[in-house]
Amino acid sequence: MSKNVTIEEANGHLGELIKLAEQGEDVVIVQNSQPKARLVAVRGAAGARVFGQYQGKIAVNADFDAPLPDDFWFGPST
């Protein structure tokens, strides 16, 4: 289901429109009968971090902090 509201209506009822979007309602903000924006709920952005969830999936070379060669900084010698 889609709900179209004008900018003026959205300005006065933003809290209610956010609740509708959170419930899965498609909220479209229109101006002069033309769609201008869609209000959608953010899914999965906030959540508890799980310590160790990437354990064993990321590898770091033993020399990751070794100095870089001079040609990295100054270019190849000619």
PDB file of N, CA and C in Angstrom:
ATOM      1  N   MET A   1       0.851  -1.178   0.000  1.00  0.00           N
ATOM      2  CA  MET A   1       0.000   0.000   0.000  1.00  0.00           C
ATOM      3  C   MET A   1       0.899   1.244   0.000  1.00  0.00           C
ATOM      4  N   SER A   2       0.490   2.226  -0.725  1.00  0.00           N
ATOM      5  CA  SER A   2       1.272   3.447  -0.834  1.00  0.00           C
ATOM      6  C   SER A   2       0.454   4.626  -0.318  1.00  0.00           C
ATOM      7  N   LYS A   3       1.116   5.508   0.405  1.00  0.00           N
ATOM      8  CA  LYS A   3       0.452   6.697   0.927  1.00  0.00           C
ATOM      9  C   LYS A   3       1.157   7.915   0.362  1.00  0.00           C
ATOM     10  N   ASN A   4       0.421   8.729  -0.379  1.00  0.00           N
ATOM     11  CA  ASN A   4       0.962   9.971  -0.915  1.00  0.00           C
ATOM     12  C   ASN A   4       0.541  11.133  -0.031  1.00  0.00           C
ATOM     13  N   VAL A   5       1.509  11.956   0.339  1.00  0.00           N
ATOM     14  CA  VAL A   5       1.213  13.136   1.158  1.00  0.00           C
ATOM     15  C   VAL A   5       1.930  14.335   0.552  1.00  0.00           C
ATOM     16  N   THR A   6       1.350  15.499   0.749  1.00  0.00           N
ATOM     17  CA  THR A   6       1.992  16.715   0.277  1.00  0.00           C
ATOM     18  C   THR A   6       3.113  17.105   1.244  1.00  0.00           C
ATOM     19  N   ILE A   7       3.942  18.019   0.803  1.00  0.00           N
ATOM     20  CA  ILE A   7       5.031  18.493   1.657  1.00  0.00           C
ATOM     21  C   ILE A   7       4.469  19.124   2.932  1.00  0.00           C
ATOM     22  N   GLU A   8       3.395  19.875   2.798  1.00  0.00           N
ATOM     23  CA  GLU A   8       2.787  20.515   3.967  1.00  0.00           C
ATOM     24  C   GLU A   8       2.258  19.471   4.949  1.00  0.00           C
ATOM     25  N   GLU A   9       1.607  18.420   4.442  1.00  0.00           N
ATOM     26  CA  GLU A   9       1.107  17.351   5.314  1.00  0.00           C
ATOM     27  C   GLU A   9       2.265  16.627   5.991  1.00  0.00           C
ATOM     28  N   ALA A  10       3.314  16.364   5.239  1.00  0.00           N
ATOM     29  CA  ALA A  10       4.471  15.670   5.795  1.00  0.00           C
ATOM     30  C   ALA A  10       5.122  16.501   6.894  1.00  0.00           C
ATOM     31  N   ASN A  11       5.174  17.805   6.693  1.00  0.00           N
ATOM     32  CA  ASN A  11       5.772  18.700   7.674  1.00  0.00           C
ATOM     33  C   ASN A  11       5.012  18.655   8.996  1.00  0.00           C
ATOM     34  N   GLY A  12       3.693  18.543   8.905  1.00  0.00           N
ATOM     35  CA  GLY A  12       2.886  18.551  10.119  1.00  0.00           C
ATOM     36  C   GLY A  12       2.721  17.194  10.776  1.00  0.00           C
ATOM     37  N   HIS A  13       3.010  16.111  10.061  1.00  0.00           N
ATOM     38  CA  HIS A  13       2.747  14.763  10.590  1.00  0.00           C
ATOM     39  C   HIS A  13       3.947  13.841  10.405  1.00  0.00           C
ATOM     40  N   LEU A  14       5.140  14.370  10.497  1.00  0.00           N
ATOM     41  CA  LEU A  14       6.334  13.586  10.221  1.00  0.00           C
ATOM     42  C   LEU A  14       6.455  12.372  11.138  1.00  0.00           C
ATOM     43  N   GLY A  15       6.176  12.552  12.403  1.00  0.00           N
ATOM     44  CA  GLY A  15       6.267  11.433  13.344  1.00  0.00           C
ATOM     45  C   GLY A  15       5.355  10.281  12.955  1.00  0.00           C
ATOM     46  N   GLU A  16       4.131  10.594  12.566  1.00  0.00           N
ATOM     47  CA  GLU A  16       3.181   9.558  12.147  1.00  0.00           C
ATOM     48  C   GLU A  16       3.642   8.879  10.866  1.00  0.00           C
ATOM     49  N   LEU A  17       4.196   9.653   9.948  1.00  0.00           N
ATOM     50  CA  LEU A  17       4.662   9.089   8.689  1.00  0.00           C
ATOM     51  C   LEU A  17       5.861   8.168   8.896  1.00  0.00           C
ATOM     52  N   ILE A  18       6.719   8.519   9.832  1.00  0.00           N
ATOM     53  CA  ILE A  18       7.858   7.657  10.151  1.00  0.00           C
ATOM     54  C   ILE A  18       7.364   6.329  10.704  1.00  0.00           C
ATOM     55  N   LYS A  19       6.360   6.369  11.568  1.00  0.00           N
ATOM     56  CA  LYS A  19       5.798   5.125  12.101  1.00  0.00           C
ATOM     57  C   LYS A  19       5.209   4.272  10.989  1.00  0.00           C
ATOM     58  N   LEU A  20       4.535   4.898  10.027  1.00  0.00           N
ATOM     59  CA  LEU A  20       3.989   4.152   8.896  1.00  0.00           C
ATOM     60  C   LEU A  20       5.110   3.498   8.085  1.00  0.00           C
ATOM     61  N   ALA A  21       6.189   4.238   7.851  1.00  0.00           N
ATOM     62  CA  ALA A  21       7.321   3.691   7.104  1.00  0.00           C
ATOM     63  C   ALA A  21       7.949   2.515   7.849  1.00  0.00           C
ATOM     64  N   GLU A  22       8.040   2.623   9.173  1.00  0.00           N
ATOM     65  CA  GLU A  22       8.592   1.530   9.972  1.00  0.00           C
ATOM     66  C   GLU A  22       7.737   0.279   9.883  1.00  0.00           C
ATOM     67  N   GLN A  23       6.441   0.462   9.662  1.00  0.00           N
ATOM     68  CA  GLN A  23       5.517  -0.664   9.549  1.00  0.00           C
ATOM     69  C   GLN A  23       5.482  -1.228   8.131  1.00  0.00           C
ATOM     70  N   GLY A  24       6.283  -0.665   7.229  1.00  0.00           N
ATOM     71  CA  GLY A  24       6.360  -1.172   5.871  1.00  0.00           C
ATOM     72  C   GLY A  24       5.538  -0.404   4.855  1.00  0.00           C
ATOM     73  N   GLU A  25       4.863   0.638   5.302  1.00  0.00           N
ATOM     74  CA  GLU A  25       4.055   1.462   4.389  1.00  0.00           C
ATOM     75  C   GLU A  25       4.970   2.264   3.472  1.00  0.00           C
ATOM     76  N   ASP A  26       4.595   2.369   2.222  1.00  0.00           N
ATOM     77  CA  ASP A  26       5.333   3.171   1.254  1.00  0.00           C
ATOM     78  C   ASP A  26       4.800   4.600   1.332  1.00  0.00           C
ATOM     79  N   VAL A  27       5.612   5.520   1.834  1.00  0.00           N
ATOM     80  CA  VAL A  27       5.195   6.915   2.012  1.00  0.00           C
ATOM     81  C   VAL A  27       5.909   7.760   0.959  1.00  0.00           C
ATOM     82  N   VAL A  28       5.127   8.385   0.089  1.00  0.00           N
ATOM     83  CA  VAL A  28       5.672   9.205  -0.983  1.00  0.00           C
ATOM     84  C   VAL A  28       5.256  10.649  -0.736  1.00  0.00           C
ATOM     85  N   ILE A  29       6.225  11.552  -0.749  1.00  0.00           N
ATOM     86  CA  ILE A  29       5.953  12.974  -0.560  1.00  0.00           C
ATOM     87  C   ILE A  29       5.867  13.608  -1.946  1.00  0.00           C
ATOM     88  N   VAL A  30       4.757  14.297  -2.180  1.00  0.00           N
ATOM     89  CA  VAL A  30       4.501  14.866  -3.504  1.00  0.00           C
ATOM     90  C   VAL A  30       4.399  16.385  -3.426  1.00  0.00           C
ATOM     91  N   GLN A  31       4.686  17.018  -4.549  1.00  0.00           N
ATOM     92  CA  GLN A  31       4.514  18.464  -4.684  1.00  0.00           C
ATOM     93  C   GLN A  31       3.931  18.693  -6.070  1.00  0.00           C
ATOM     94  N   ASN A  32       2.802  19.394  -6.118  1.00  0.00           N
ATOM     95  CA  ASN A  32       2.095  19.620  -7.385  1.00  0.00           C
ATOM     96  C   ASN A  32       1.813  18.296  -8.102  1.00  0.00           C
ATOM     97  N   SER A  33       1.372  17.310  -7.343  1.00  0.00           N
ATOM     98  CA  SER A  33       1.017  15.969  -7.844  1.00  0.00           C
ATOM     99  C   SER A  33       2.196  15.197  -8.424  1.00  0.00           C
ATOM    100  N   GLN A  34       3.417  15.677  -8.211  1.00  0.00           N
ATOM    101  CA  GLN A  34       4.612  14.996  -8.700  1.00  0.00           C
ATOM    102  C   GLN A  34       5.378  14.418  -7.511  1.00  0.00           C
ATOM    103  N   PRO A  35       5.733  13.136  -7.546  1.00  0.00           N
ATOM    104  CA  PRO A  35       6.512  12.560  -6.451  1.00  0.00           C
ATOM    105  C   PRO A  35       7.881  13.233  -6.344  1.00  0.00           C
ATOM    106  N   LYS A  36       8.240  13.615  -5.136  1.00  0.00           N
ATOM    107  CA  LYS A  36       9.522  14.294  -4.902  1.00  0.00           C
ATOM    108  C   LYS A  36      10.463  13.481  -4.017  1.00  0.00           C
ATOM    109  N   ALA A  37       9.881  12.695  -3.085  1.00  0.00           N
ATOM    110  CA  ALA A  37      10.724  11.923  -2.166  1.00  0.00           C
ATOM    111  C   ALA A  37       9.944  10.732  -1.644  1.00  0.00           C
ATOM    112  N   ARG A  38      10.687   9.731  -1.209  1.00  0.00           N
ATOM    113  CA  ARG A  38      10.078   8.550  -0.601  1.00  0.00           C
ATOM    114  C   ARG A  38      10.662   8.397   0.798  1.00  0.00           C
ATOM    115  N   LEU A  39       9.790   8.174   1.755  1.00  0.00           N
ATOM    116  CA  LEU A  39      10.206   7.981   3.140  1.00  0.00           C
ATOM    117  C   LEU A  39      10.263   6.481   3.413  1.00  0.00           C
ATOM    118  N   VAL A  40      11.436   5.997   3.772  1.00  0.00           N
ATOM    119  CA  VAL A  40      11.612   4.571   4.049  1.00  0.00           C
ATOM    120  C   VAL A  40      12.290   4.397   5.401  1.00  0.00           C
ATOM    121  N   ALA A  41      11.989   3.294   6.037  1.00  0.00           N
ATOM    122  CA  ALA A  41      12.605   2.982   7.325  1.00  0.00           C
ATOM    123  C   ALA A  41      14.004   2.423   7.090  1.00  0.00           C
ATOM    124  N   VAL A  42      14.897   2.694   7.996  1.00  0.00           N
ATOM    125  CA  VAL A  42      16.249   2.152   7.934  1.00  0.00           C
ATOM    126  C   VAL A  42      16.217   0.782   8.577  1.00  0.00           C
ATOM    127  N   ARG A  43      16.645  -0.201   7.842  1.00  0.00           N
ATOM    128  CA  ARG A  43      16.641  -1.576   8.339  1.00  0.00           C
ATOM    129  C   ARG A  43      18.062  -2.040   8.612  1.00  0.00           C
ATOM    130  N   GLY A  44      18.288  -2.609   9.760  1.00  0.00           N
ATOM    131  CA  GLY A  44      19.555  -3.242  10.060  1.00  0.00           C
ATOM    132  C   GLY A  44      20.727  -2.316  10.291  1.00  0.00           C
ATOM    133  N   ALA A  45      20.504  -1.018  10.347  1.00  0.00           N
ATOM    134  CA  ALA A  45      21.629  -0.109  10.544  1.00  0.00           C
ATOM    135  C   ALA A  45      22.117  -0.152  11.983  1.00  0.00           C
ATOM    136  N   ALA A  46      21.188  -0.202  12.901  1.00  0.00           N
ATOM    137  CA  ALA A  46      21.575  -0.219  14.305  1.00  0.00           C
ATOM    138  C   ALA A  46      21.417  -1.640  14.842  1.00  0.00           C
ATOM    139  N   GLY A  47      22.352  -2.036  15.605  1.00  0.00           N
ATOM    140  CA  GLY A  47      22.267  -3.368  16.188  1.00  0.00           C
ATOM    141  C   GLY A  47      23.448  -3.598  17.105  1.00  0.00           C
ATOM    142  N   ALA A  48      23.333  -4.639  17.867  1.00  0.00           N
ATOM    143  CA  ALA A  48      24.404  -4.963  18.799  1.00  0.00           C
ATOM    144  C   ALA A  48      25.612  -5.484  18.038  1.00  0.00           C
ATOM    145  N   ARG A  49      26.764  -5.022  18.417  1.00  0.00           N
ATOM    146  CA  ARG A  49      27.993  -5.529  17.831  1.00  0.00           C
ATOM    147  C   ARG A  49      28.328  -6.849  18.514  1.00  0.00           C
ATOM    148  N   VAL A  50      28.783  -7.786  17.734  1.00  0.00           N
ATOM    149  CA  VAL A  50      29.117  -9.095  18.278  1.00  0.00           C
ATOM    150  C   VAL A  50      30.630  -9.240  18.281  1.00  0.00           C
ATOM    151  N   PHE A  51      31.199  -9.322  19.472  1.00  0.00           N
ATOM    152  CA  PHE A  51      32.643  -9.433  19.606  1.00  0.00           C
ATOM    153  C   PHE A  51      33.100 -10.753  19.003  1.00  0.00           C
ATOM    154  N   GLY A  52      34.095 -10.686  18.139  1.00  0.00           N
ATOM    155  CA  GLY A  52      34.679 -11.887  17.564  1.00  0.00           C
ATOM    156  C   GLY A  52      33.922 -12.467  16.386  1.00  0.00           C
ATOM    157  N   GLN A  53      32.953 -11.759  15.846  1.00  0.00           N
ATOM    158  CA  GLN A  53      32.160 -12.340  14.765  1.00  0.00           C
ATOM    159  C   GLN A  53      32.974 -12.555  13.489  1.00  0.00           C
ATOM    160  N   TYR A  54      34.097 -11.872  13.339  1.00  0.00           N
ATOM    161  CA  TYR A  54      34.942 -12.051  12.160  1.00  0.00           C
ATOM    162  C   TYR A  54      36.230 -12.805  12.481  1.00  0.00           C
ATOM    163  N   GLN A  55      36.268 -13.438  13.636  1.00  0.00           N
ATOM    164  CA  GLN A  55      37.470 -14.156  14.035  1.00  0.00           C
ATOM    165  C   GLN A  55      37.775 -15.267  13.026  1.00  0.00           C
ATOM    166  N   GLY A  56      39.016 -15.292  12.571  1.00  0.00           N
ATOM    167  CA  GLY A  56      39.436 -16.301  11.604  1.00  0.00           C
ATOM    168  C   GLY A  56      39.102 -15.952  10.161  1.00  0.00           C
ATOM    169  N   LYS A  57      38.444 -14.835   9.923  1.00  0.00           N
ATOM    170  CA  LYS A  57      38.050 -14.449   8.568  1.00  0.00           C
ATOM    171  C   LYS A  57      38.921 -13.338   8.007  1.00  0.00           C
ATOM    172  N   ILE A  58      39.719 -12.709   8.847  1.00  0.00           N
ATOM    173  CA  ILE A  58      40.563 -11.602   8.422  1.00  0.00           C
ATOM    174  C   ILE A  58      42.012 -11.963   8.718  1.00  0.00           C
ATOM    175  N   ALA A  59      42.866 -11.757   7.728  1.00  0.00           N
ATOM    176  CA  ALA A  59      44.282 -12.064   7.920  1.00  0.00           C
ATOM    177  C   ALA A  59      45.103 -10.800   7.716  1.00  0.00           C
ATOM    178  N   VAL A  60      46.131 -10.627   8.530  1.00  0.00           N
ATOM    179  CA  VAL A  60      47.036  -9.492   8.432  1.00  0.00           C
ATOM    180  C   VAL A  60      48.442 -10.061   8.271  1.00  0.00           C
ATOM    181  N   ASN A  61      49.153  -9.594   7.256  1.00  0.00           N
ATOM    182  CA  ASN A  61      50.529 -10.064   7.057  1.00  0.00           C
ATOM    183  C   ASN A  61      51.391  -9.697   8.250  1.00  0.00           C
ATOM    184  N   ALA A  62      52.386 -10.529   8.502  1.00  0.00           N
ATOM    185  CA  ALA A  62      53.281 -10.296   9.639  1.00  0.00           C
ATOM    186  C   ALA A  62      54.061  -8.997   9.482  1.00  0.00           C
ATOM    187  N   ASP A  63      54.307  -8.570   8.240  1.00  0.00           N
ATOM    188  CA  ASP A  63      55.093  -7.354   8.019  1.00  0.00           C
ATOM    189  C   ASP A  63      54.214  -6.145   7.685  1.00  0.00           C
ATOM    190  N   PHE A  64      52.992  -6.118   8.158  1.00  0.00           N
ATOM    191  CA  PHE A  64      52.075  -5.035   7.805  1.00  0.00           C
ATOM    192  C   PHE A  64      52.588  -3.662   8.235  1.00  0.00           C
ATOM    193  N   ASP A  65      53.423  -3.630   9.242  1.00  0.00           N
ATOM    194  CA  ASP A  65      53.928  -2.337   9.715  1.00  0.00           C
ATOM    195  C   ASP A  65      55.389  -2.102   9.334  1.00  0.00           C
ATOM    196  N   ALA A  66      55.891  -2.889   8.399  1.00  0.00           N
ATOM    197  CA  ALA A  66      57.272  -2.714   7.949  1.00  0.00           C
ATOM    198  C   ALA A  66      57.380  -1.425   7.130  1.00  0.00           C
ATOM    199  N   PRO A  67      58.542  -0.785   7.141  1.00  0.00           N
ATOM    200  CA  PRO A  67      58.707   0.444   6.355  1.00  0.00           C
ATOM    201  C   PRO A  67      58.510   0.162   4.862  1.00  0.00           C
ATOM    202  N   LEU A  68      57.945   1.110   4.171  1.00  0.00           N
ATOM    203  CA  LEU A  68      57.755   0.992   2.732  1.00  0.00           C
ATOM    204  C   LEU A  68      59.049   1.305   2.011  1.00  0.00           C
ATOM    205  N   PRO A  69      59.267   0.692   0.854  1.00  0.00           N
ATOM    206  CA  PRO A  69      60.512   0.962   0.127  1.00  0.00           C
ATOM    207  C   PRO A  69      60.563   2.401  -0.381  1.00  0.00           C
ATOM    208  N   ASP A  70      61.776   2.893  -0.623  1.00  0.00           N
ATOM    209  CA  ASP A  70      61.962   4.280  -1.085  1.00  0.00           C
ATOM    210  C   ASP A  70      61.248   4.549  -2.389  1.00  0.00           C
ATOM    211  N   ASP A  71      61.198   3.554  -3.305  1.00  0.00           N
ATOM    212  CA  ASP A  71      60.548   3.809  -4.582  1.00  0.00           C
ATOM    213  C   ASP A  71      59.039   4.003  -4.427  1.00  0.00           C
ATOM    214  N   PHE A  72      58.487   3.572  -3.329  1.00  0.00           N
ATOM    215  CA  PHE A  72      57.065   3.878  -3.070  1.00  0.00           C
ATOM    216  C   PHE A  72      56.888   5.376  -2.868  1.00  0.00           C
ATOM    217  N   TRP A  73      57.811   5.971  -2.120  1.00  0.00           N
ATOM    218  CA  TRP A  73      57.703   7.394  -1.788  1.00  0.00           C
ATOM    219  C   TRP A  73      58.232   8.291  -2.895  1.00  0.00           C
ATOM    220  N   PHE A  74      59.343   7.891  -3.520  1.00  0.00           N
ATOM    221  CA  PHE A  74      60.020   8.773  -4.464  1.00  0.00           C
ATOM    222  C   PHE A  74      59.868   8.332  -5.912  1.00  0.00           C
ATOM    223  N   GLY A  75      59.205   7.232  -6.162  1.00  0.00           N
ATOM    224  CA  GLY A  75      59.062   6.728  -7.517  1.00  0.00           C
ATOM    225  C   GLY A  75      60.230   5.832  -7.872  1.00  0.00           C
ATOM    226  N   PRO A  76      60.110   5.082  -8.968  1.00  0.00           N
ATOM    227  CA  PRO A  76      61.198   4.188  -9.345  1.00  0.00           C
ATOM    228  C   PRO A  76      62.466   4.953  -9.700  1.00  0.00           C
ATOM    229  N   SER A  77      63.612   4.400  -9.303  1.00  0.00           N
ATOM    230  CA  SER A  77      64.861   5.071  -9.648  1.00  0.00           C
ATOM    231  C   SER A  77      65.215   4.758 -11.104  1.00  0.00           C
ATOM    232  N   THR A  78      65.695   5.766 -11.772  1.00  0.00           N
ATOM    233  CA  THR A  78      66.042   5.615 -13.186  1.00  0.00           C
ATOM    234  C   THR A  78      67.509   5.755 -13.437  1.00  0.00           C
TER     235      THR A  78
END
